[in-house]
Amino acid sequence: MPAEITSTVRLAVGMPDGSEVRAEVGLIAISVHPDGVDISEVHRALGELLIDAGRYMVNSAPTPGPAPQGEGESGSQG
């Protein structure tokens, strides 16, 4: 049975002001074969983690409320 290693996946997003937003997304586990690590396995594990993280983020996003009406706007009055 091949050995397995785990690696933390970190994400950094550059913002327009030059700052970065960083987050730890999770861990991926990769099999280590006698001839090394198969990069396609790394890509697969990373892709699966990012898909799962994206689903979590979409499902846990706050539901936007109704837009507030500004002055000069009116709702239907009828």
N, C-alpha and C. Protein backbone atom coordinates (compact mmCIF):
# COMPACT_ATOMS: atom_id res chain seq x y z
N MET A 1 0.85 -1.18 0.00
CA MET A 1 0.00 0.00 0.00
C MET A 1 0.90 1.25 0.00
N PRO A 2 0.61 2.19 -0.90
CA PRO A 2 1.46 3.38 -0.95
C PRO A 2 1.25 4.27 0.27
N ALA A 3 2.27 5.03 0.60
CA ALA A 3 2.17 5.99 1.69
C ALA A 3 1.30 7.16 1.24
N GLU A 4 0.85 7.93 2.20
CA GLU A 4 0.01 9.08 1.89
C GLU A 4 0.51 10.30 2.63
N ILE A 5 0.47 11.44 1.97
CA ILE A 5 0.82 12.70 2.62
C ILE A 5 -0.39 13.61 2.56
N THR A 6 -0.45 14.54 3.49
CA THR A 6 -1.51 15.55 3.46
C THR A 6 -0.85 16.91 3.30
N SER A 7 -1.59 17.81 2.70
CA SER A 7 -1.08 19.16 2.49
C SER A 7 -2.22 20.15 2.70
N THR A 8 -1.93 21.25 3.36
CA THR A 8 -2.91 22.30 3.57
C THR A 8 -3.02 23.14 2.31
N VAL A 9 -4.25 23.42 1.89
CA VAL A 9 -4.49 24.26 0.72
C VAL A 9 -4.84 25.65 1.23
N ARG A 10 -4.06 26.63 0.80
CA ARG A 10 -4.29 28.02 1.18
C ARG A 10 -4.61 28.82 -0.07
N LEU A 11 -5.47 29.80 0.10
CA LEU A 11 -5.92 30.63 -1.01
C LEU A 11 -5.62 32.08 -0.68
N ALA A 12 -5.09 32.81 -1.64
CA ALA A 12 -4.84 34.24 -1.48
C ALA A 12 -5.46 34.96 -2.67
N VAL A 13 -6.27 35.98 -2.38
CA VAL A 13 -6.93 36.75 -3.42
C VAL A 13 -6.46 38.19 -3.33
N GLY A 14 -5.91 38.69 -4.42
CA GLY A 14 -5.45 40.08 -4.46
C GLY A 14 -6.63 41.04 -4.61
N MET A 15 -6.66 42.06 -3.78
CA MET A 15 -7.73 43.05 -3.81
C MET A 15 -7.24 44.28 -4.58
N PRO A 16 -8.17 45.10 -5.08
CA PRO A 16 -7.79 46.27 -5.86
C PRO A 16 -6.86 47.24 -5.13
N ASP A 17 -6.96 47.30 -3.81
CA ASP A 17 -6.10 48.22 -3.05
C ASP A 17 -4.71 47.66 -2.79
N GLY A 18 -4.43 46.47 -3.33
CA GLY A 18 -3.12 45.85 -3.16
C GLY A 18 -3.03 44.89 -1.98
N SER A 19 -4.05 44.87 -1.13
CA SER A 19 -4.04 43.94 -0.01
C SER A 19 -4.43 42.54 -0.50
N GLU A 20 -4.25 41.57 0.35
CA GLU A 20 -4.63 40.20 0.03
C GLU A 20 -5.58 39.66 1.09
N VAL A 21 -6.56 38.91 0.64
CA VAL A 21 -7.43 38.17 1.55
C VAL A 21 -6.95 36.73 1.48
N ARG A 22 -6.61 36.17 2.63
CA ARG A 22 -6.08 34.80 2.68
C ARG A 22 -6.99 33.91 3.49
N ALA A 23 -7.03 32.64 3.10
CA ALA A 23 -7.84 31.67 3.84
C ALA A 23 -7.24 30.28 3.67
N GLU A 24 -7.39 29.47 4.69
CA GLU A 24 -7.08 28.05 4.57
C GLU A 24 -8.34 27.36 4.11
N VAL A 25 -8.27 26.68 2.98
CA VAL A 25 -9.44 26.05 2.39
C VAL A 25 -9.66 24.66 2.97
N GLY A 26 -8.61 23.93 3.23
CA GLY A 26 -8.73 22.59 3.77
C GLY A 26 -7.48 21.78 3.51
N LEU A 27 -7.62 20.48 3.63
CA LEU A 27 -6.49 19.56 3.44
C LEU A 27 -6.77 18.65 2.25
N ILE A 28 -5.71 18.31 1.53
CA ILE A 28 -5.81 17.27 0.52
C ILE A 28 -4.85 16.15 0.90
N ALA A 29 -5.24 14.93 0.57
CA ALA A 29 -4.40 13.75 0.83
C ALA A 29 -3.95 13.20 -0.52
N ILE A 30 -2.67 12.93 -0.63
CA ILE A 30 -2.06 12.47 -1.88
C ILE A 30 -1.28 11.19 -1.61
N SER A 31 -1.45 10.21 -2.48
CA SER A 31 -0.68 8.97 -2.37
C SER A 31 0.74 9.21 -2.86
N VAL A 32 1.69 8.63 -2.15
CA VAL A 32 3.09 8.68 -2.57
C VAL A 32 3.47 7.29 -3.06
N HIS A 33 3.78 7.20 -4.34
CA HIS A 33 4.15 5.94 -4.96
C HIS A 33 5.66 5.77 -4.94
N PRO A 34 6.16 4.58 -5.22
CA PRO A 34 7.62 4.38 -5.23
C PRO A 34 8.36 5.36 -6.14
N ASP A 35 7.70 5.78 -7.21
CA ASP A 35 8.37 6.72 -8.12
C ASP A 35 7.99 8.18 -7.84
N GLY A 36 7.30 8.43 -6.74
CA GLY A 36 6.96 9.81 -6.37
C GLY A 36 5.47 10.08 -6.36
N VAL A 37 5.12 11.33 -6.44
CA VAL A 37 3.73 11.78 -6.42
C VAL A 37 3.27 11.98 -7.86
N ASP A 38 2.07 11.50 -8.16
CA ASP A 38 1.48 11.68 -9.49
C ASP A 38 0.75 13.02 -9.48
N ILE A 39 1.22 13.96 -10.30
CA ILE A 39 0.65 15.31 -10.30
C ILE A 39 -0.83 15.31 -10.67
N SER A 40 -1.27 14.34 -11.46
CA SER A 40 -2.70 14.28 -11.80
C SER A 40 -3.53 13.98 -10.55
N GLU A 41 -2.99 13.22 -9.61
CA GLU A 41 -3.70 12.98 -8.35
C GLU A 41 -3.79 14.25 -7.51
N VAL A 42 -2.74 15.06 -7.57
CA VAL A 42 -2.77 16.34 -6.85
C VAL A 42 -3.85 17.23 -7.46
N HIS A 43 -3.89 17.31 -8.78
CA HIS A 43 -4.91 18.13 -9.45
C HIS A 43 -6.32 17.65 -9.13
N ARG A 44 -6.52 16.34 -9.13
CA ARG A 44 -7.84 15.78 -8.82
C ARG A 44 -8.25 16.13 -7.39
N ALA A 45 -7.36 15.91 -6.44
CA ALA A 45 -7.67 16.19 -5.03
C ALA A 45 -7.93 17.67 -4.82
N LEU A 46 -7.13 18.52 -5.45
CA LEU A 46 -7.32 19.96 -5.33
C LEU A 46 -8.65 20.38 -5.94
N GLY A 47 -8.97 19.84 -7.11
CA GLY A 47 -10.25 20.16 -7.76
C GLY A 47 -11.43 19.76 -6.91
N GLU A 48 -11.38 18.56 -6.34
CA GLU A 48 -12.48 18.09 -5.49
C GLU A 48 -12.64 18.97 -4.26
N LEU A 49 -11.53 19.36 -3.65
CA LEU A 49 -11.59 20.22 -2.48
C LEU A 49 -12.19 21.57 -2.83
N LEU A 50 -11.78 22.15 -3.95
CA LEU A 50 -12.29 23.47 -4.33
C LEU A 50 -13.78 23.41 -4.68
N ILE A 51 -14.21 22.32 -5.30
CA ILE A 51 -15.65 22.16 -5.59
C ILE A 51 -16.43 22.09 -4.29
N ASP A 52 -15.98 21.27 -3.35
CA ASP A 52 -16.67 21.15 -2.06
C ASP A 52 -16.68 22.48 -1.31
N ALA A 53 -15.55 23.20 -1.33
CA ALA A 53 -15.47 24.49 -0.65
C ALA A 53 -16.42 25.49 -1.30
N GLY A 54 -16.50 25.47 -2.62
CA GLY A 54 -17.41 26.37 -3.33
C GLY A 54 -18.86 26.09 -3.00
N ARG A 55 -19.22 24.82 -2.95
CA ARG A 55 -20.60 24.47 -2.58
C ARG A 55 -20.92 24.95 -1.17
N TYR A 56 -19.98 24.76 -0.27
CA TYR A 56 -20.19 25.20 1.11
C TYR A 56 -20.39 26.72 1.15
N MET A 57 -19.54 27.45 0.42
CA MET A 57 -19.63 28.91 0.44
C MET A 57 -20.95 29.38 -0.15
N VAL A 58 -21.39 28.78 -1.24
CA VAL A 58 -22.66 29.18 -1.86
C VAL A 58 -23.82 28.88 -0.94
N ASN A 59 -23.81 27.71 -0.31
CA ASN A 59 -24.92 27.31 0.55
C ASN A 59 -24.95 28.05 1.88
N SER A 60 -23.83 28.60 2.31
CA SER A 60 -23.82 29.29 3.60
C SER A 60 -23.81 30.81 3.44
N ALA A 61 -23.90 31.29 2.20
CA ALA A 61 -23.92 32.74 1.97
C ALA A 61 -25.22 33.32 2.50
N PRO A 62 -25.16 34.48 3.10
CA PRO A 62 -26.39 35.09 3.60
C PRO A 62 -27.33 35.42 2.45
N THR A 63 -28.62 35.26 2.70
CA THR A 63 -29.62 35.59 1.69
C THR A 63 -29.84 37.08 1.71
N PRO A 64 -29.67 37.73 0.56
CA PRO A 64 -29.85 39.20 0.55
C PRO A 64 -31.31 39.56 0.82
N GLY A 65 -31.49 40.60 1.58
CA GLY A 65 -32.84 41.10 1.86
C GLY A 65 -33.29 42.04 0.75
N PRO A 66 -34.48 42.55 0.87
CA PRO A 66 -34.96 43.49 -0.14
C PRO A 66 -34.12 44.76 -0.12
N ALA A 67 -33.93 45.34 -1.28
CA ALA A 67 -33.17 46.58 -1.38
C ALA A 67 -33.95 47.70 -0.71
N PRO A 68 -33.26 48.51 0.09
CA PRO A 68 -33.99 49.61 0.73
C PRO A 68 -34.37 50.66 -0.31
N GLN A 69 -35.53 51.27 -0.11
CA GLN A 69 -35.97 52.32 -1.02
C GLN A 69 -35.34 53.62 -0.57
N GLY A 70 -34.76 54.33 -1.53
CA GLY A 70 -34.15 55.63 -1.24
C GLY A 70 -35.19 56.72 -1.33
N GLU A 71 -34.79 57.92 -0.95
CA GLU A 71 -35.70 59.05 -1.05
C GLU A 71 -36.02 59.31 -2.51
N GLY A 72 -37.22 59.70 -2.78
CA GLY A 72 -37.63 59.98 -4.14
C GLY A 72 -38.16 58.74 -4.83
N GLU A 73 -38.03 57.57 -4.23
CA GLU A 73 -38.57 56.36 -4.81
C GLU A 73 -39.83 56.00 -4.07
N SER A 74 -40.72 55.41 -4.77
CA SER A 74 -41.95 54.98 -4.09
C SER A 74 -42.32 53.61 -4.56
N GLY A 75 -42.91 52.86 -3.67
CA GLY A 75 -43.43 51.56 -4.03
C GLY A 75 -44.79 51.75 -4.70
N SER A 76 -45.35 50.69 -5.19
CA SER A 76 -46.67 50.82 -5.81
C SER A 76 -47.70 51.12 -4.73
N GLN A 77 -48.44 52.14 -4.93
CA GLN A 77 -49.48 52.52 -3.99
C GLN A 77 -50.79 52.49 -4.75
N GLY A 78 -51.60 51.63 -4.32
CA GLY A 78 -52.67 51.53 -5.14
C GLY A 78 -53.99 51.42 -5.01
